[in-house]
């Protein structure tokens, strides 16, 4: 955008629309999409963005209007530097082990760990063995606002695999846990006490799907970028724009769970999880629900 110039016509860019033609403009919908594990299974150290900007008609890389998901491959002996124009970052270690250097501090991580970074969030990542990180940040939101982060809004934090699984085990042992819509733990940070989210803009859940379980449909206005951590054959998610009077999904898309793959659950779409196998499965959705919670627009609903 150009700065105002002396003597220019200040009315030149003014437009006017009749209310019914512009109250709900036809912006492109967030598409259902899959990023298969095969795309990050092999190759040199690199950042592999999950870029749906063409479908979104977005002028910068984005997986959803407010988030960009990436897969970071790290081969031993080489590294990757990340420095997004973002206020929040989440890294989940899909495989391997290594370390990240942030502001003269060094963080060691291994498969199953999750860690967050705040602004400015510049990091150097290196691996001691072949590794893959799932990396989601909110740079698309800041680019839309024309903003750059000027302060850290939360303390960078490590959530170890051991602690995550221990907390999930506590939830599973609670009375009535089998009847809940989801079975897992939402990660929080003491600096985001009001939204109860992992960063001030993002939300993440480690969700377990026991053998034979069906987690009934729900919906929300945040976009979910769902990473399948582990799943045998016969585990999937059904996703639909509509739900019937009986609580069943109408003409759903079927997202087959496959370890290391990710899929988009568009905002407002109903979705249910199904495990038709005899082994448990895990999924890690990352959403812009911290932002929606703060704006009072999340509107999460559960099928009756």
C-alpha atoms as a PDB file:
ATOM      1  CA  UNK A   1       0.000   0.000   0.000  1.00  0.00           C
ATOM      2  CA  UNK A   2       1.359   3.413  -0.945  1.00  0.00           C
ATOM      3  CA  UNK A   3       1.629   6.235   1.575  1.00  0.00           C
ATOM      4  CA  UNK A   4      -0.644   9.271   1.158  1.00  0.00           C
ATOM      5  CA  UNK A   5       0.943  11.924  -1.042  1.00  0.00           C
ATOM      6  CA  UNK A   6       0.363  15.663  -0.841  1.00  0.00           C
ATOM      7  CA  UNK A   7      -2.109  16.881  -3.440  1.00  0.00           C
ATOM      8  CA  UNK A   8      -3.386  13.421  -4.404  1.00  0.00           C
ATOM      9  CA  UNK A   9      -7.075  12.561  -4.907  1.00  0.00           C
ATOM     10  CA  UNK A  10      -8.104  10.992  -1.549  1.00  0.00           C
ATOM     11  CA  UNK A  11     -11.372   9.719  -3.070  1.00  0.00           C
ATOM     12  CA  UNK A  12      -9.811   7.702  -5.907  1.00  0.00           C
ATOM     13  CA  UNK A  13      -9.975   4.313  -4.153  1.00  0.00           C
ATOM     14  CA  UNK A  14     -13.400   4.688  -2.554  1.00  0.00           C
ATOM     15  CA  UNK A  15     -15.951   1.991  -3.473  1.00  0.00           C
ATOM     16  CA  UNK A  16     -19.600   1.443  -2.515  1.00  0.00           C
ATOM     17  CA  UNK A  17     -21.648  -1.775  -2.469  1.00  0.00           C
ATOM     18  CA  UNK A  18     -25.312  -2.553  -1.935  1.00  0.00           C
ATOM     19  CA  UNK A  19     -25.516  -4.462   1.361  1.00  0.00           C
ATOM     20  CA  UNK A  20     -26.754  -7.855   0.064  1.00  0.00           C
ATOM     21  CA  UNK A  21     -24.008  -7.922  -2.576  1.00  0.00           C
ATOM     22  CA  UNK A  22     -21.113  -7.419  -0.138  1.00  0.00           C
ATOM     23  CA  UNK A  23     -22.229  -8.484   3.360  1.00  0.00           C
ATOM     24  CA  UNK A  24     -20.853 -11.996   2.804  1.00  0.00           C
ATOM     25  CA  UNK A  25     -18.379 -11.761  -0.075  1.00  0.00           C
ATOM     26  CA  UNK A  26     -17.445 -14.978  -1.912  1.00  0.00           C
ATOM     27  CA  UNK A  27     -13.889 -15.376  -0.628  1.00  0.00           C
ATOM     28  CA  UNK A  28     -12.388 -18.771  -1.528  1.00  0.00           C
ATOM     29  CA  UNK A  29     -13.232 -21.502   0.970  1.00  0.00           C
ATOM     30  CA  UNK A  30     -10.523 -23.322   2.897  1.00  0.00           C
ATOM     31  CA  UNK A  31     -10.116 -26.566   0.939  1.00  0.00           C
ATOM     32  CA  UNK A  32      -9.869 -30.088   2.267  1.00  0.00           C
ATOM     33  CA  UNK A  33      -6.343 -31.254   1.487  1.00  0.00           C
ATOM     34  CA  UNK A  34      -3.828 -33.957   2.440  1.00  0.00           C
ATOM     35  CA  UNK A  35      -0.042 -33.763   2.840  1.00  0.00           C
ATOM     36  CA  UNK A  36       1.154 -37.391   2.565  1.00  0.00           C
ATOM     37  CA  UNK A  37       4.105 -38.647   4.589  1.00  0.00           C
ATOM     38  CA  UNK A  38       5.790 -39.762   1.359  1.00  0.00           C
ATOM     39  CA  UNK A  39       6.536 -36.102   0.559  1.00  0.00           C
ATOM     40  CA  UNK A  40       8.851 -35.740   3.559  1.00  0.00           C
ATOM     41  CA  UNK A  41      10.116 -39.313   3.928  1.00  0.00           C
ATOM     42  CA  UNK A  42      13.397 -38.846   2.039  1.00  0.00           C
ATOM     43  CA  UNK A  43      15.749 -36.145   0.861  1.00  0.00           C
ATOM     44  CA  UNK A  44      18.228 -33.553   2.099  1.00  0.00           C
ATOM     45  CA  UNK A  45      17.656 -31.072   4.903  1.00  0.00           C
ATOM     46  CA  UNK A  46      14.904 -28.695   3.804  1.00  0.00           C
ATOM     47  CA  UNK A  47      11.699 -26.915   4.783  1.00  0.00           C
ATOM     48  CA  UNK A  48       8.733 -28.335   2.844  1.00  0.00           C
ATOM     49  CA  UNK A  49       5.791 -25.894   3.062  1.00  0.00           C
ATOM     50  CA  UNK A  50       2.209 -27.129   2.827  1.00  0.00           C
ATOM     51  CA  UNK A  51       1.214 -24.235   0.595  1.00  0.00           C
ATOM     52  CA  UNK A  52      -2.448 -23.857  -0.415  1.00  0.00           C
ATOM     53  CA  UNK A  53      -2.162 -20.146  -1.188  1.00  0.00           C
ATOM     54  CA  UNK A  54      -3.311 -20.569  -4.795  1.00  0.00           C
ATOM     55  CA  UNK A  55      -6.597 -22.138  -3.704  1.00  0.00           C
ATOM     56  CA  UNK A  56      -7.023 -19.477  -1.005  1.00  0.00           C
ATOM     57  CA  UNK A  57      -6.069 -16.635  -3.397  1.00  0.00           C
ATOM     58  CA  UNK A  58      -3.559 -15.565  -0.807  1.00  0.00           C
ATOM     59  CA  UNK A  59      -0.481 -13.543  -1.923  1.00  0.00           C
ATOM     60  CA  UNK A  60       1.885 -15.317   0.510  1.00  0.00           C
ATOM     61  CA  UNK A  61       2.424 -18.996   1.430  1.00  0.00           C
ATOM     62  CA  UNK A  62      -0.410 -20.303   3.623  1.00  0.00           C
ATOM     63  CA  UNK A  63      -2.127 -23.556   4.518  1.00  0.00           C
ATOM     64  CA  UNK A  64      -5.110 -21.713   5.974  1.00  0.00           C
ATOM     65  CA  UNK A  65      -5.875 -17.976   6.043  1.00  0.00           C
ATOM     66  CA  UNK A  66      -3.993 -17.596   9.337  1.00  0.00           C
ATOM     67  CA  UNK A  67      -1.492 -20.453   9.500  1.00  0.00           C
ATOM     68  CA  UNK A  68       1.281 -22.057   7.478  1.00  0.00           C
ATOM     69  CA  UNK A  69       2.207 -25.686   8.135  1.00  0.00           C
ATOM     70  CA  UNK A  70       5.566 -27.083   7.065  1.00  0.00           C
ATOM     71  CA  UNK A  71       7.556 -30.287   7.328  1.00  0.00           C
ATOM     72  CA  UNK A  72      11.214 -29.791   8.213  1.00  0.00           C
ATOM     73  CA  UNK A  73      13.572 -32.540   7.075  1.00  0.00           C
ATOM     74  CA  UNK A  74      16.886 -32.727   8.907  1.00  0.00           C
ATOM     75  CA  UNK A  75      19.671 -35.002   7.727  1.00  0.00           C
ATOM     76  CA  UNK A  76      22.632 -35.619  10.065  1.00  0.00           C
ATOM     77  CA  UNK A  77      25.506 -33.256   9.363  1.00  0.00           C
ATOM     78  CA  UNK A  78      23.381 -30.430   7.982  1.00  0.00           C
ATOM     79  CA  UNK A  79      20.909 -27.992   9.481  1.00  0.00           C
ATOM     80  CA  UNK A  80      18.013 -25.677   8.752  1.00  0.00           C
ATOM     81  CA  UNK A  81      17.407 -22.108   9.917  1.00  0.00           C
ATOM     82  CA  UNK A  82      13.846 -20.922  10.551  1.00  0.00           C
ATOM     83  CA  UNK A  83      12.931 -17.253  11.015  1.00  0.00           C
ATOM     84  CA  UNK A  84       9.290 -16.584  10.110  1.00  0.00           C
ATOM     85  CA  UNK A  85       7.526 -13.262  10.534  1.00  0.00           C
ATOM     86  CA  UNK A  86       5.326 -14.927  13.134  1.00  0.00           C
ATOM     87  CA  UNK A  87       4.175 -14.384  16.696  1.00  0.00           C
ATOM     88  CA  UNK A  88       3.669 -18.106  17.452  1.00  0.00           C
ATOM     89  CA  UNK A  89       5.386 -21.293  16.335  1.00  0.00           C
ATOM     90  CA  UNK A  90       4.760 -24.952  17.178  1.00  0.00           C
ATOM     91  CA  UNK A  91       7.214 -27.748  16.395  1.00  0.00           C
ATOM     92  CA  UNK A  92       6.263 -31.410  16.813  1.00  0.00           C
ATOM     93  CA  UNK A  93       9.017 -34.004  16.393  1.00  0.00           C
ATOM     94  CA  UNK A  94       7.649 -36.701  14.082  1.00  0.00           C
ATOM     95  CA  UNK A  95      10.848 -38.729  14.064  1.00  0.00           C
ATOM     96  CA  UNK A  96      14.515 -38.615  15.019  1.00  0.00           C
ATOM     97  CA  UNK A  97      16.375 -36.532  17.576  1.00  0.00           C
ATOM     98  CA  UNK A  98      18.373 -33.332  17.569  1.00  0.00           C
ATOM     99  CA  UNK A  99      18.625 -29.837  18.945  1.00  0.00           C
ATOM    100  CA  UNK A 100      17.577 -26.276  18.194  1.00  0.00           C
ATOM    101  CA  UNK A 101      19.557 -23.167  19.064  1.00  0.00           C
ATOM    102  CA  UNK A 102      17.387 -20.168  19.990  1.00  0.00           C
ATOM    103  CA  UNK A 103      18.834 -16.854  21.246  1.00  0.00           C
ATOM    104  CA  UNK A 104      22.080 -18.444  22.453  1.00  0.00           C
ATOM    105  CA  UNK A 105      20.158 -21.220  24.221  1.00  0.00           C
ATOM    106  CA  UNK A 106      20.073 -24.838  23.090  1.00  0.00           C
ATOM    107  CA  UNK A 107      17.036 -27.096  23.263  1.00  0.00           C
ATOM    108  CA  UNK A 108      17.383 -30.867  22.802  1.00  0.00           C
ATOM    109  CA  UNK A 109      14.410 -32.798  21.428  1.00  0.00           C
ATOM    110  CA  UNK A 110      13.430 -36.299  20.365  1.00  0.00           C
ATOM    111  CA  UNK A 111      10.516 -38.050  18.646  1.00  0.00           C
ATOM    112  CA  UNK A 112       7.197 -37.278  20.302  1.00  0.00           C
ATOM    113  CA  UNK A 113       8.288 -33.965  21.851  1.00  0.00           C
ATOM    114  CA  UNK A 114       6.507 -30.691  21.090  1.00  0.00           C
ATOM    115  CA  UNK A 115       7.953 -27.231  21.630  1.00  0.00           C
ATOM    116  CA  UNK A 116       6.829 -23.659  21.022  1.00  0.00           C
ATOM    117  CA  UNK A 117       8.674 -20.469  20.085  1.00  0.00           C
ATOM    118  CA  UNK A 118       7.470 -16.887  20.327  1.00  0.00           C
ATOM    119  CA  UNK A 119       8.633 -13.741  18.567  1.00  0.00           C
ATOM    120  CA  UNK A 120      11.156 -13.220  17.126  1.00  0.00           C
ATOM    121  CA  UNK A 121      11.630 -16.993  17.071  1.00  0.00           C
ATOM    122  CA  UNK A 122      14.816 -17.358  15.012  1.00  0.00           C
ATOM    123  CA  UNK A 123      16.217 -20.871  15.385  1.00  0.00           C
ATOM    124  CA  UNK A 124      18.965 -23.105  14.012  1.00  0.00           C
ATOM    125  CA  UNK A 125      17.945 -26.773  13.886  1.00  0.00           C
ATOM    126  CA  UNK A 126      20.301 -29.755  13.584  1.00  0.00           C
ATOM    127  CA  UNK A 127      19.756 -33.498  13.983  1.00  0.00           C
ATOM    128  CA  UNK A 128      21.870 -36.330  15.321  1.00  0.00           C
ATOM    129  CA  UNK A 129      19.878 -38.756  13.168  1.00  0.00           C
ATOM    130  CA  UNK A 130      17.477 -38.497  10.239  1.00  0.00           C
ATOM    131  CA  UNK A 131      14.613 -36.377  11.612  1.00  0.00           C
ATOM    132  CA  UNK A 132      11.344 -34.734  10.581  1.00  0.00           C
ATOM    133  CA  UNK A 133       9.577 -31.871  12.365  1.00  0.00           C
ATOM    134  CA  UNK A 134       5.998 -30.709  11.843  1.00  0.00           C
ATOM    135  CA  UNK A 135       6.182 -26.898  12.037  1.00  0.00           C
ATOM    136  CA  UNK A 136       3.155 -24.590  12.139  1.00  0.00           C
ATOM    137  CA  UNK A 137       3.222 -20.794  12.590  1.00  0.00           C
ATOM    138  CA  UNK A 138       0.945 -17.766  12.209  1.00  0.00           C
ATOM    139  CA  UNK A 139       2.897 -15.724   9.654  1.00  0.00           C
ATOM    140  CA  UNK A 140      -0.076 -15.604   7.223  1.00  0.00           C
ATOM    141  CA  UNK A 141      -2.153 -13.849   9.897  1.00  0.00           C
ATOM    142  CA  UNK A 142       0.542 -11.238  10.518  1.00  0.00           C
ATOM    143  CA  UNK A 143       1.080 -10.676   6.798  1.00  0.00           C
ATOM    144  CA  UNK A 144      -2.640 -10.077   6.343  1.00  0.00           C
ATOM    145  CA  UNK A 145      -2.533  -7.516   9.154  1.00  0.00           C
ATOM    146  CA  UNK A 146       0.593  -5.908   7.701  1.00  0.00           C
ATOM    147  CA  UNK A 147       2.249  -6.425  11.071  1.00  0.00           C
ATOM    148  CA  UNK A 148       5.527  -7.697  12.481  1.00  0.00           C
ATOM    149  CA  UNK A 149       5.770  -9.081  16.018  1.00  0.00           C
ATOM    150  CA  UNK A 150       7.327  -6.577  18.385  1.00  0.00           C
ATOM    151  CA  UNK A 151       7.149  -8.551  21.622  1.00  0.00           C
ATOM    152  CA  UNK A 152       6.957 -12.094  22.932  1.00  0.00           C
ATOM    153  CA  UNK A 153       3.421 -12.939  24.057  1.00  0.00           C
ATOM    154  CA  UNK A 154       4.299 -16.205  25.835  1.00  0.00           C
ATOM    155  CA  UNK A 155       7.323 -18.086  27.144  1.00  0.00           C
ATOM    156  CA  UNK A 156       8.761 -20.708  24.739  1.00  0.00           C
ATOM    157  CA  UNK A 157       8.020 -24.121  26.214  1.00  0.00           C
ATOM    158  CA  UNK A 158       8.913 -27.799  25.773  1.00  0.00           C
ATOM    159  CA  UNK A 159       6.286 -30.525  26.179  1.00  0.00           C
ATOM    160  CA  UNK A 160       8.149 -33.836  26.356  1.00  0.00           C
ATOM    161  CA  UNK A 161       6.780 -37.070  24.950  1.00  0.00           C
ATOM    162  CA  UNK A 162       6.940 -38.678  28.389  1.00  0.00           C
ATOM    163  CA  UNK A 163       4.912 -35.915  30.029  1.00  0.00           C
ATOM    164  CA  UNK A 164       2.384 -35.783  27.183  1.00  0.00           C
ATOM    165  CA  UNK A 165       1.718 -39.525  27.343  1.00  0.00           C
ATOM    166  CA  UNK A 166       1.527 -39.436  31.139  1.00  0.00           C
ATOM    167  CA  UNK A 167      -1.088 -36.667  30.999  1.00  0.00           C
ATOM    168  CA  UNK A 168      -3.098 -38.577  28.391  1.00  0.00           C
ATOM    169  CA  UNK A 169      -2.981 -41.655  30.640  1.00  0.00           C
ATOM    170  CA  UNK A 170      -4.431 -39.580  33.506  1.00  0.00           C
ATOM    171  CA  UNK A 171      -7.306 -38.465  31.275  1.00  0.00           C
ATOM    172  CA  UNK A 172      -8.006 -42.012  30.097  1.00  0.00           C
ATOM    173  CA  UNK A 173      -8.230 -43.201  33.704  1.00  0.00           C
ATOM    174  CA  UNK A 174     -10.876 -40.653  34.679  1.00  0.00           C
ATOM    175  CA  UNK A 175     -14.468 -41.880  35.218  1.00  0.00           C
ATOM    176  CA  UNK A 176     -16.543 -41.422  32.061  1.00  0.00           C
ATOM    177  CA  UNK A 177     -13.534 -40.845  29.821  1.00  0.00           C
ATOM    178  CA  UNK A 178     -14.745 -43.430  27.282  1.00  0.00           C
ATOM    179  CA  UNK A 179     -17.950 -41.435  26.706  1.00  0.00           C
ATOM    180  CA  UNK A 180     -16.278 -38.107  25.954  1.00  0.00           C
ATOM    181  CA  UNK A 181     -16.253 -36.578  22.479  1.00  0.00           C
ATOM    182  CA  UNK A 182     -12.440 -36.523  22.489  1.00  0.00           C
ATOM    183  CA  UNK A 183      -9.892 -38.265  24.717  1.00  0.00           C
ATOM    184  CA  UNK A 184      -6.670 -36.333  25.129  1.00  0.00           C
ATOM    185  CA  UNK A 185      -4.933 -33.285  26.506  1.00  0.00           C
ATOM    186  CA  UNK A 186      -4.960 -29.711  25.279  1.00  0.00           C
ATOM    187  CA  UNK A 187      -1.573 -28.114  25.839  1.00  0.00           C
ATOM    188  CA  UNK A 188      -1.522 -24.776  27.646  1.00  0.00           C
ATOM    189  CA  UNK A 189       0.954 -22.162  28.787  1.00  0.00           C
ATOM    190  CA  UNK A 190       0.882 -20.176  32.036  1.00  0.00           C
ATOM    191  CA  UNK A 191       1.134 -16.986  29.947  1.00  0.00           C
ATOM    192  CA  UNK A 192      -2.119 -17.762  28.070  1.00  0.00           C
ATOM    193  CA  UNK A 193      -4.325 -18.544  31.055  1.00  0.00           C
ATOM    194  CA  UNK A 194      -7.448 -16.898  29.647  1.00  0.00           C
ATOM    195  CA  UNK A 195      -7.524 -18.798  26.331  1.00  0.00           C
ATOM    196  CA  UNK A 196      -5.993 -21.988  27.860  1.00  0.00           C
ATOM    197  CA  UNK A 197      -4.033 -22.572  24.641  1.00  0.00           C
ATOM    198  CA  UNK A 198      -0.494 -23.596  23.741  1.00  0.00           C
ATOM    199  CA  UNK A 199       0.274 -20.108  22.346  1.00  0.00           C
ATOM    200  CA  UNK A 200      -1.848 -16.952  22.305  1.00  0.00           C
ATOM    201  CA  UNK A 201      -2.985 -17.637  18.709  1.00  0.00           C
ATOM    202  CA  UNK A 202      -2.723 -21.416  18.402  1.00  0.00           C
ATOM    203  CA  UNK A 203      -4.248 -24.481  20.044  1.00  0.00           C
ATOM    204  CA  UNK A 204      -3.072 -28.083  20.044  1.00  0.00           C
ATOM    205  CA  UNK A 205      -4.466 -31.375  21.304  1.00  0.00           C
ATOM    206  CA  UNK A 206      -2.850 -34.784  21.663  1.00  0.00           C
ATOM    207  CA  UNK A 207      -5.874 -37.006  21.029  1.00  0.00           C
ATOM    208  CA  UNK A 208      -5.950 -40.785  21.413  1.00  0.00           C
ATOM    209  CA  UNK A 209      -8.475 -42.926  19.552  1.00  0.00           C
ATOM    210  CA  UNK A 210      -8.808 -46.309  21.343  1.00  0.00           C
ATOM    211  CA  UNK A 211      -9.482 -49.560  19.458  1.00  0.00           C
ATOM    212  CA  UNK A 212     -13.043 -49.750  18.168  1.00  0.00           C
ATOM    213  CA  UNK A 213     -13.821 -46.169  19.234  1.00  0.00           C
ATOM    214  CA  UNK A 214     -15.977 -43.616  17.447  1.00  0.00           C
ATOM    215  CA  UNK A 215     -15.524 -39.989  18.513  1.00  0.00           C
ATOM    216  CA  UNK A 216     -18.767 -38.361  17.430  1.00  0.00           C
ATOM    217  CA  UNK A 217     -18.990 -35.252  15.241  1.00  0.00           C
ATOM    218  CA  UNK A 218     -18.211 -31.744  16.350  1.00  0.00           C
ATOM    219  CA  UNK A 219     -17.353 -28.508  14.551  1.00  0.00           C
ATOM    220  CA  UNK A 220     -15.628 -25.164  15.190  1.00  0.00           C
ATOM    221  CA  UNK A 221     -14.695 -21.998  13.323  1.00  0.00           C
ATOM    222  CA  UNK A 222     -10.951 -22.565  13.628  1.00  0.00           C
ATOM    223  CA  UNK A 223      -9.125 -24.426  10.851  1.00  0.00           C
ATOM    224  CA  UNK A 224      -7.564 -27.704  12.013  1.00  0.00           C
ATOM    225  CA  UNK A 225      -4.280 -28.899  10.496  1.00  0.00           C
ATOM    226  CA  UNK A 226      -4.363 -32.510  11.689  1.00  0.00           C
ATOM    227  CA  UNK A 227      -1.154 -34.537  11.908  1.00  0.00           C
ATOM    228  CA  UNK A 228      -1.554 -38.299  12.219  1.00  0.00           C
ATOM    229  CA  UNK A 229       1.078 -39.478  14.688  1.00  0.00           C
ATOM    230  CA  UNK A 230       0.318 -43.208  14.604  1.00  0.00           C
ATOM    231  CA  UNK A 231      -2.464 -45.341  13.187  1.00  0.00           C
ATOM    232  CA  UNK A 232      -2.993 -48.911  11.973  1.00  0.00           C
ATOM    233  CA  UNK A 233      -5.183 -49.648   8.959  1.00  0.00           C
ATOM    234  CA  UNK A 234      -8.858 -48.919   9.553  1.00  0.00           C
ATOM    235  CA  UNK A 235      -8.536 -45.525  11.254  1.00  0.00           C
ATOM    236  CA  UNK A 236     -10.041 -42.470   9.567  1.00  0.00           C
ATOM    237  CA  UNK A 237     -11.858 -39.155   9.956  1.00  0.00           C
ATOM    238  CA  UNK A 238     -15.136 -38.287   8.250  1.00  0.00           C
ATOM    239  CA  UNK A 239     -15.549 -34.595   7.369  1.00  0.00           C
ATOM    240  CA  UNK A 240     -18.716 -32.940   6.070  1.00  0.00           C
ATOM    241  CA  UNK A 241     -20.258 -29.506   5.623  1.00  0.00           C
ATOM    242  CA  UNK A 242     -23.591 -30.768   6.923  1.00  0.00           C
ATOM    243  CA  UNK A 243     -24.998 -33.008   9.620  1.00  0.00           C
ATOM    244  CA  UNK A 244     -28.339 -34.836   9.566  1.00  0.00           C
ATOM    245  CA  UNK A 245     -31.062 -34.666  12.183  1.00  0.00           C
ATOM    246  CA  UNK A 246     -29.859 -38.021  13.522  1.00  0.00           C
ATOM    247  CA  UNK A 247     -26.306 -36.699  14.059  1.00  0.00           C
ATOM    248  CA  UNK A 248     -24.811 -38.467  11.028  1.00  0.00           C
ATOM    249  CA  UNK A 249     -22.610 -36.696   8.505  1.00  0.00           C
ATOM    250  CA  UNK A 250     -24.054 -35.908   5.068  1.00  0.00           C
ATOM    251  CA  UNK A 251     -21.884 -36.994   2.082  1.00  0.00           C
ATOM    252  CA  UNK A 252     -18.618 -36.849   4.075  1.00  0.00           C
ATOM    253  CA  UNK A 253     -15.031 -36.759   2.864  1.00  0.00           C
ATOM    254  CA  UNK A 254     -12.953 -39.619   4.274  1.00  0.00           C
ATOM    255  CA  UNK A 255      -9.472 -38.774   5.557  1.00  0.00           C
ATOM    256  CA  UNK A 256      -7.541 -41.990   6.043  1.00  0.00           C
ATOM    257  CA  UNK A 257      -5.060 -41.782   8.926  1.00  0.00           C
ATOM    258  CA  UNK A 258      -1.474 -42.597   7.978  1.00  0.00           C
ATOM    259  CA  UNK A 259       1.480 -41.953  10.287  1.00  0.00           C
ATOM    260  CA  UNK A 260       3.313 -38.761   9.324  1.00  0.00           C
ATOM    261  CA  UNK A 261       0.536 -37.513   7.030  1.00  0.00           C
ATOM    262  CA  UNK A 262      -1.626 -34.457   7.680  1.00  0.00           C
ATOM    263  CA  UNK A 263      -5.018 -33.265   6.498  1.00  0.00           C
ATOM    264  CA  UNK A 264      -7.032 -30.044   6.635  1.00  0.00           C
ATOM    265  CA  UNK A 265     -10.361 -29.881   8.458  1.00  0.00           C
ATOM    266  CA  UNK A 266     -11.981 -26.702   7.047  1.00  0.00           C
ATOM    267  CA  UNK A 267     -13.674 -24.243   9.417  1.00  0.00           C
ATOM    268  CA  UNK A 268     -17.278 -24.997  10.290  1.00  0.00           C
ATOM    269  CA  UNK A 269     -17.158 -28.549   8.909  1.00  0.00           C
ATOM    270  CA  UNK A 270     -18.439 -31.386  11.061  1.00  0.00           C
ATOM    271  CA  UNK A 271     -15.933 -34.191  11.675  1.00  0.00           C
ATOM    272  CA  UNK A 272     -15.837 -37.511  13.512  1.00  0.00           C
ATOM    273  CA  UNK A 273     -12.975 -39.968  14.206  1.00  0.00           C
ATOM    274  CA  UNK A 274     -13.278 -43.735  13.700  1.00  0.00           C
ATOM    275  CA  UNK A 275     -11.004 -46.610  14.726  1.00  0.00           C
ATOM    276  CA  UNK A 276     -12.051 -49.935  13.230  1.00  0.00           C
ATOM    277  CA  UNK A 277      -8.790 -51.626  14.224  1.00  0.00           C
ATOM    278  CA  UNK A 278      -7.663 -53.449  17.371  1.00  0.00           C
ATOM    279  CA  UNK A 279      -4.897 -50.934  18.189  1.00  0.00           C
ATOM    280  CA  UNK A 280      -4.957 -47.351  19.424  1.00  0.00           C
ATOM    281  CA  UNK A 281      -4.164 -44.335  17.230  1.00  0.00           C
ATOM    282  CA  UNK A 282      -2.989 -40.774  17.918  1.00  0.00           C
ATOM    283  CA  UNK A 283      -3.653 -37.504  16.106  1.00  0.00           C
ATOM    284  CA  UNK A 284      -2.310 -33.989  16.765  1.00  0.00           C
ATOM    285  CA  UNK A 285      -4.547 -31.177  15.452  1.00  0.00           C
ATOM    286  CA  UNK A 286      -3.071 -27.664  15.432  1.00  0.00           C
ATOM    287  CA  UNK A 287      -5.564 -24.827  15.008  1.00  0.00           C
ATOM    288  CA  UNK A 288      -5.835 -21.040  15.089  1.00  0.00           C
ATOM    289  CA  UNK A 289      -8.259 -21.523  17.984  1.00  0.00           C
ATOM    290  CA  UNK A 290      -6.269 -19.346  20.387  1.00  0.00           C
ATOM    291  CA  UNK A 291      -7.040 -16.360  18.169  1.00  0.00           C
ATOM    292  CA  UNK A 292     -10.698 -17.396  17.734  1.00  0.00           C
ATOM    293  CA  UNK A 293     -11.104 -17.896  21.484  1.00  0.00           C
ATOM    294  CA  UNK A 294      -9.761 -14.402  22.143  1.00  0.00           C
ATOM    295  CA  UNK A 295     -12.109 -12.970  19.488  1.00  0.00           C
ATOM    296  CA  UNK A 296     -15.062 -14.978  20.958  1.00  0.00           C
ATOM    297  CA  UNK A 297     -15.705 -16.580  17.566  1.00  0.00           C
ATOM    298  CA  UNK A 298     -14.623 -20.229  18.069  1.00  0.00           C
ATOM    299  CA  UNK A 299     -18.246 -21.473  18.331  1.00  0.00           C
ATOM    300  CA  UNK A 300     -17.424 -25.129  19.024  1.00  0.00           C
ATOM    301  CA  UNK A 301     -20.500 -27.375  18.767  1.00  0.00           C
ATOM    302  CA  UNK A 302     -21.106 -31.062  19.394  1.00  0.00           C
ATOM    303  CA  UNK A 303     -23.565 -33.325  17.592  1.00  0.00           C
ATOM    304  CA  UNK A 304     -26.466 -34.498  19.732  1.00  0.00           C
END
